[in-house]
N, C-alpha and C. Protein backbone atom coordinates (compact mmCIF):
# COMPACT_ATOMS: atom_id res chain seq x y z
N MET A 1 143.42 122.01 122.20
CA MET A 1 143.12 123.09 121.27
C MET A 1 142.18 124.07 121.97
N ALA A 2 142.57 125.30 122.10
CA ALA A 2 141.77 126.33 122.75
C ALA A 2 140.71 126.86 121.80
N PHE A 3 139.57 127.19 122.35
CA PHE A 3 138.47 127.72 121.57
C PHE A 3 138.59 129.23 121.49
N HIS A 4 138.31 129.78 120.32
CA HIS A 4 138.17 131.21 120.16
C HIS A 4 137.01 131.43 119.22
N GLY A 5 136.06 132.21 119.66
CA GLY A 5 134.90 132.47 118.83
C GLY A 5 133.90 133.32 119.60
N PHE A 6 132.70 133.41 119.07
CA PHE A 6 131.66 134.22 119.68
C PHE A 6 130.49 133.33 120.06
N VAL A 7 129.84 133.69 121.15
CA VAL A 7 128.59 133.04 121.54
C VAL A 7 127.57 134.15 121.78
N ALA A 8 126.34 133.85 121.52
CA ALA A 8 125.28 134.85 121.68
C ALA A 8 124.82 134.90 123.13
N VAL A 9 124.48 136.09 123.58
CA VAL A 9 123.85 136.26 124.88
C VAL A 9 122.34 136.27 124.63
N GLN A 10 121.67 135.27 125.15
CA GLN A 10 120.25 135.10 124.91
C GLN A 10 119.44 135.84 125.98
N GLY A 11 118.14 135.76 125.84
CA GLY A 11 117.26 136.36 126.84
C GLY A 11 117.62 135.88 128.23
N ARG A 12 117.40 136.71 129.22
CA ARG A 12 117.74 136.44 130.62
C ARG A 12 119.23 136.25 130.83
N GLY A 13 120.07 136.64 129.84
CA GLY A 13 121.52 136.59 130.00
C GLY A 13 122.13 135.21 129.82
N LEU A 14 121.40 134.27 129.23
CA LEU A 14 121.95 132.93 129.03
C LEU A 14 123.00 132.91 127.94
N VAL A 15 124.07 132.16 128.18
CA VAL A 15 125.14 131.98 127.22
C VAL A 15 125.35 130.48 127.06
N ALA A 16 125.31 129.97 125.85
CA ALA A 16 125.53 128.55 125.60
C ALA A 16 126.98 128.34 125.16
N LEU A 17 127.69 127.52 125.90
CA LEU A 17 129.07 127.20 125.53
C LEU A 17 129.04 126.15 124.42
N PRO A 18 129.96 126.23 123.48
CA PRO A 18 130.00 125.23 122.40
C PRO A 18 130.18 123.82 122.96
N ALA A 19 129.55 122.85 122.32
CA ALA A 19 129.57 121.46 122.79
C ALA A 19 130.99 120.94 122.93
N GLU A 20 131.87 121.27 121.98
CA GLU A 20 133.25 120.77 122.04
C GLU A 20 133.96 121.28 123.29
N VAL A 21 133.69 122.51 123.69
CA VAL A 21 134.29 123.09 124.89
C VAL A 21 133.72 122.41 126.13
N ARG A 22 132.40 122.22 126.16
CA ARG A 22 131.77 121.56 127.31
C ARG A 22 132.34 120.16 127.50
N ARG A 23 132.49 119.40 126.43
CA ARG A 23 133.03 118.04 126.53
C ARG A 23 134.49 118.05 127.00
N ARG A 24 135.31 118.88 126.38
CA ARG A 24 136.74 118.90 126.70
C ARG A 24 136.99 119.30 128.16
N LEU A 25 136.18 120.22 128.67
CA LEU A 25 136.37 120.71 130.04
C LEU A 25 135.48 119.99 131.05
N HIS A 26 134.77 118.95 130.58
CA HIS A 26 133.90 118.14 131.43
C HIS A 26 132.74 118.95 132.02
N LEU A 27 132.34 120.00 131.32
CA LEU A 27 131.22 120.81 131.78
C LEU A 27 129.88 120.20 131.40
N ASP A 28 129.92 119.06 130.72
CA ASP A 28 128.69 118.36 130.37
C ASP A 28 128.31 117.35 131.46
N GLU A 29 129.06 117.34 132.55
CA GLU A 29 128.80 116.41 133.65
C GLU A 29 127.90 117.05 134.69
N SER A 30 127.16 116.20 135.36
CA SER A 30 126.23 116.66 136.40
C SER A 30 126.98 117.43 137.48
N GLY A 31 126.45 118.56 137.86
CA GLY A 31 127.03 119.37 138.93
C GLY A 31 128.09 120.36 138.48
N ALA A 32 128.46 120.32 137.21
CA ALA A 32 129.49 121.24 136.72
C ALA A 32 128.97 122.67 136.76
N GLN A 33 129.86 123.58 137.09
CA GLN A 33 129.53 125.01 137.12
C GLN A 33 130.63 125.79 136.42
N VAL A 34 130.36 127.04 136.15
CA VAL A 34 131.36 127.94 135.57
C VAL A 34 131.49 129.13 136.50
N GLU A 35 132.72 129.37 136.95
CA GLU A 35 133.01 130.56 137.77
C GLU A 35 133.21 131.73 136.82
N ILE A 36 132.62 132.87 137.14
CA ILE A 36 132.78 134.06 136.29
C ILE A 36 133.38 135.18 137.14
N THR A 37 134.39 135.83 136.58
CA THR A 37 135.04 136.95 137.24
C THR A 37 135.03 138.14 136.28
N GLU A 38 134.53 139.28 136.76
CA GLU A 38 134.57 140.51 135.97
C GLU A 38 135.80 141.29 136.40
N ARG A 39 136.72 141.47 135.48
CA ARG A 39 137.94 142.21 135.78
C ARG A 39 137.69 143.71 135.63
N ASP A 40 138.58 144.51 136.22
CA ASP A 40 138.47 145.96 136.16
C ASP A 40 138.55 146.49 134.72
N ASP A 41 139.23 145.72 133.83
CA ASP A 41 139.36 146.18 132.45
C ASP A 41 138.18 145.75 131.57
N GLY A 42 137.13 145.20 132.19
CA GLY A 42 135.93 144.83 131.45
C GLY A 42 135.93 143.42 130.89
N VAL A 43 137.00 142.70 131.08
CA VAL A 43 137.08 141.32 130.58
C VAL A 43 136.34 140.40 131.54
N LEU A 44 135.55 139.49 130.97
CA LEU A 44 134.89 138.45 131.75
C LEU A 44 135.70 137.17 131.63
N GLU A 45 136.11 136.62 132.75
CA GLU A 45 136.85 135.37 132.76
C GLU A 45 135.92 134.25 133.20
N LEU A 46 135.90 133.18 132.45
CA LEU A 46 135.10 132.00 132.80
C LEU A 46 136.07 130.87 133.14
N ARG A 47 135.82 130.20 134.26
CA ARG A 47 136.64 129.06 134.67
C ARG A 47 135.73 127.89 134.99
N PRO A 48 136.04 126.70 134.44
CA PRO A 48 135.23 125.54 134.78
C PRO A 48 135.39 125.20 136.26
N ALA A 49 134.31 124.86 136.90
CA ALA A 49 134.33 124.45 138.30
C ALA A 49 133.58 123.12 138.37
N LEU A 50 134.34 122.06 138.56
CA LEU A 50 133.76 120.72 138.58
C LEU A 50 133.58 120.26 140.01
N PRO A 51 132.56 119.43 140.25
CA PRO A 51 132.37 118.90 141.60
C PRO A 51 133.57 118.05 142.03
N ILE A 52 134.25 117.44 141.08
CA ILE A 52 135.49 116.71 141.32
C ILE A 52 136.54 117.34 140.42
N PRO A 53 137.62 117.88 140.99
CA PRO A 53 138.65 118.48 140.15
C PRO A 53 139.17 117.48 139.12
N ALA A 54 139.43 117.94 137.92
CA ALA A 54 139.87 117.07 136.83
C ALA A 54 141.10 116.25 137.20
N ALA A 55 142.01 116.83 137.97
CA ALA A 55 143.23 116.12 138.34
C ALA A 55 142.96 114.97 139.31
N GLN A 56 141.76 114.92 139.90
CA GLN A 56 141.41 113.87 140.85
C GLN A 56 140.35 112.92 140.31
N ARG A 57 139.99 113.05 139.04
CA ARG A 57 138.94 112.22 138.45
C ARG A 57 139.28 110.74 138.50
N TRP A 58 140.55 110.40 138.34
CA TRP A 58 140.96 108.99 138.33
C TRP A 58 140.50 108.28 139.59
N PHE A 59 140.52 108.97 140.72
CA PHE A 59 140.17 108.35 141.99
C PHE A 59 138.71 107.91 142.01
N TRP A 60 137.85 108.61 141.29
CA TRP A 60 136.42 108.34 141.32
C TRP A 60 135.96 107.42 140.20
N GLU A 61 136.89 106.94 139.38
CA GLU A 61 136.50 105.99 138.34
C GLU A 61 136.09 104.67 138.98
N ASP A 62 135.17 103.95 138.34
CA ASP A 62 134.64 102.70 138.90
C ASP A 62 135.75 101.72 139.27
N ARG A 63 136.72 101.57 138.38
CA ARG A 63 137.80 100.61 138.62
C ARG A 63 138.55 100.95 139.91
N TRP A 64 138.88 102.23 140.09
CA TRP A 64 139.61 102.63 141.29
C TRP A 64 138.74 102.49 142.53
N GLN A 65 137.48 102.85 142.44
CA GLN A 65 136.59 102.74 143.59
C GLN A 65 136.41 101.28 144.01
N GLN A 66 136.38 100.35 143.05
CA GLN A 66 136.31 98.93 143.38
C GLN A 66 137.54 98.51 144.18
N ARG A 67 138.69 98.99 143.77
CA ARG A 67 139.92 98.68 144.51
C ARG A 67 139.90 99.28 145.91
N GLU A 68 139.38 100.48 146.05
CA GLU A 68 139.25 101.10 147.37
C GLU A 68 138.34 100.25 148.27
N LYS A 69 137.27 99.74 147.69
CA LYS A 69 136.34 98.88 148.45
C LYS A 69 137.05 97.61 148.91
N GLU A 70 137.87 97.02 148.04
CA GLU A 70 138.62 95.82 148.40
C GLU A 70 139.58 96.11 149.55
N VAL A 71 140.25 97.25 149.50
CA VAL A 71 141.15 97.63 150.59
C VAL A 71 140.37 97.78 151.88
N ASP A 72 139.23 98.45 151.83
CA ASP A 72 138.40 98.61 153.03
C ASP A 72 138.01 97.26 153.61
N GLU A 73 137.68 96.30 152.74
CA GLU A 73 137.32 94.95 153.20
C GLU A 73 138.51 94.27 153.87
N HIS A 74 139.71 94.44 153.30
CA HIS A 74 140.91 93.86 153.91
C HIS A 74 141.18 94.49 155.28
N VAL A 75 141.03 95.79 155.37
CA VAL A 75 141.26 96.47 156.65
C VAL A 75 140.25 95.97 157.68
N THR A 76 138.98 95.89 157.31
CA THR A 76 137.94 95.43 158.22
C THR A 76 138.22 94.00 158.70
N ALA A 77 138.73 93.15 157.79
CA ALA A 77 139.01 91.76 158.13
C ALA A 77 140.35 91.59 158.86
N GLY A 78 141.09 92.69 159.04
CA GLY A 78 142.38 92.61 159.72
C GLY A 78 143.48 92.01 158.88
N LEU A 79 143.34 92.04 157.58
CA LEU A 79 144.32 91.45 156.67
C LEU A 79 145.34 92.47 156.19
N VAL A 80 145.77 93.35 157.07
CA VAL A 80 146.75 94.37 156.72
C VAL A 80 147.85 94.41 157.77
N THR A 81 148.99 94.90 157.39
CA THR A 81 150.09 95.13 158.32
C THR A 81 150.40 96.61 158.29
N VAL A 82 150.50 97.20 159.46
CA VAL A 82 150.80 98.63 159.57
C VAL A 82 152.27 98.80 159.92
N TYR A 83 152.95 99.62 159.15
CA TYR A 83 154.35 99.93 159.40
C TYR A 83 154.42 101.38 159.88
N ASN A 84 155.16 101.59 160.95
CA ASN A 84 155.24 102.93 161.53
C ASN A 84 156.24 103.83 160.82
N ASP A 85 157.09 103.24 159.99
CA ASP A 85 158.02 104.08 159.23
C ASP A 85 158.37 103.39 157.92
N GLY A 86 158.86 104.16 157.00
CA GLY A 86 159.18 103.64 155.67
C GLY A 86 160.30 102.63 155.67
N ASP A 87 161.27 102.77 156.58
CA ASP A 87 162.39 101.82 156.62
C ASP A 87 161.92 100.43 156.98
N ALA A 88 161.00 100.32 157.95
CA ALA A 88 160.48 99.00 158.33
C ALA A 88 159.75 98.35 157.17
N PHE A 89 159.02 99.14 156.43
CA PHE A 89 158.31 98.62 155.26
C PHE A 89 159.29 98.14 154.19
N LEU A 90 160.32 98.94 153.94
CA LEU A 90 161.32 98.55 152.94
C LEU A 90 162.08 97.30 153.37
N ASP A 91 162.36 97.19 154.67
CA ASP A 91 163.02 95.97 155.18
C ASP A 91 162.13 94.76 154.93
N HIS A 92 160.83 94.91 155.15
CA HIS A 92 159.88 93.82 154.90
C HIS A 92 159.89 93.44 153.42
N LEU A 93 159.87 94.42 152.53
CA LEU A 93 159.89 94.14 151.09
C LEU A 93 161.18 93.44 150.68
N ASP A 94 162.31 93.87 151.25
CA ASP A 94 163.59 93.23 150.93
C ASP A 94 163.58 91.77 151.38
N ALA A 95 163.09 91.51 152.59
CA ALA A 95 163.04 90.14 153.11
C ALA A 95 162.12 89.28 152.25
N GLN A 96 160.99 89.85 151.85
CA GLN A 96 160.05 89.11 151.00
C GLN A 96 160.69 88.79 149.65
N ALA A 97 161.40 89.74 149.07
CA ALA A 97 162.07 89.52 147.77
C ALA A 97 163.13 88.44 147.90
N GLN A 98 163.87 88.44 149.00
CA GLN A 98 164.90 87.39 149.20
C GLN A 98 164.25 86.02 149.34
N ALA A 99 163.14 85.97 150.06
CA ALA A 99 162.43 84.69 150.21
C ALA A 99 161.90 84.21 148.89
N ASP A 100 161.38 85.13 148.07
CA ASP A 100 160.88 84.76 146.75
C ASP A 100 162.01 84.25 145.87
N ASP A 101 163.19 84.87 145.96
CA ASP A 101 164.34 84.46 145.16
C ASP A 101 164.84 83.07 145.57
N ALA A 102 164.74 82.77 146.89
CA ALA A 102 165.23 81.50 147.41
C ALA A 102 164.25 80.35 147.19
N ALA A 103 162.99 80.68 146.91
CA ALA A 103 161.96 79.64 146.71
C ALA A 103 162.25 78.86 145.43
N PRO A 104 162.05 77.53 145.48
CA PRO A 104 162.27 76.73 144.27
C PRO A 104 161.30 77.15 143.16
N GLN A 105 161.82 77.19 141.96
CA GLN A 105 161.00 77.57 140.80
C GLN A 105 160.41 76.31 140.17
N PRO A 106 159.13 76.34 139.80
CA PRO A 106 158.52 75.15 139.17
C PRO A 106 159.02 74.91 137.77
């Protein structure tokens, strides 16, 4: 839901954005900024500028970062296999699936 309304320009040019807008656009987070552009027609455009783009927020969530740490630990311990091309990786997955299918079921 887009906001439409008026905000007051306070002393020293301060403008307070409505709380609902700040929350929805993540402007209530540390480091958030607002980019302002003055157009030739006199319109002021405001754009949220986050330290982490909203489309990449998932990567920085605690759960994902824990998984990244686990991967780093596996790499450090040498518990990874590197494939130089996608076909070799797919061949490995196919062989693993066939082995799983052939394994006796409990």
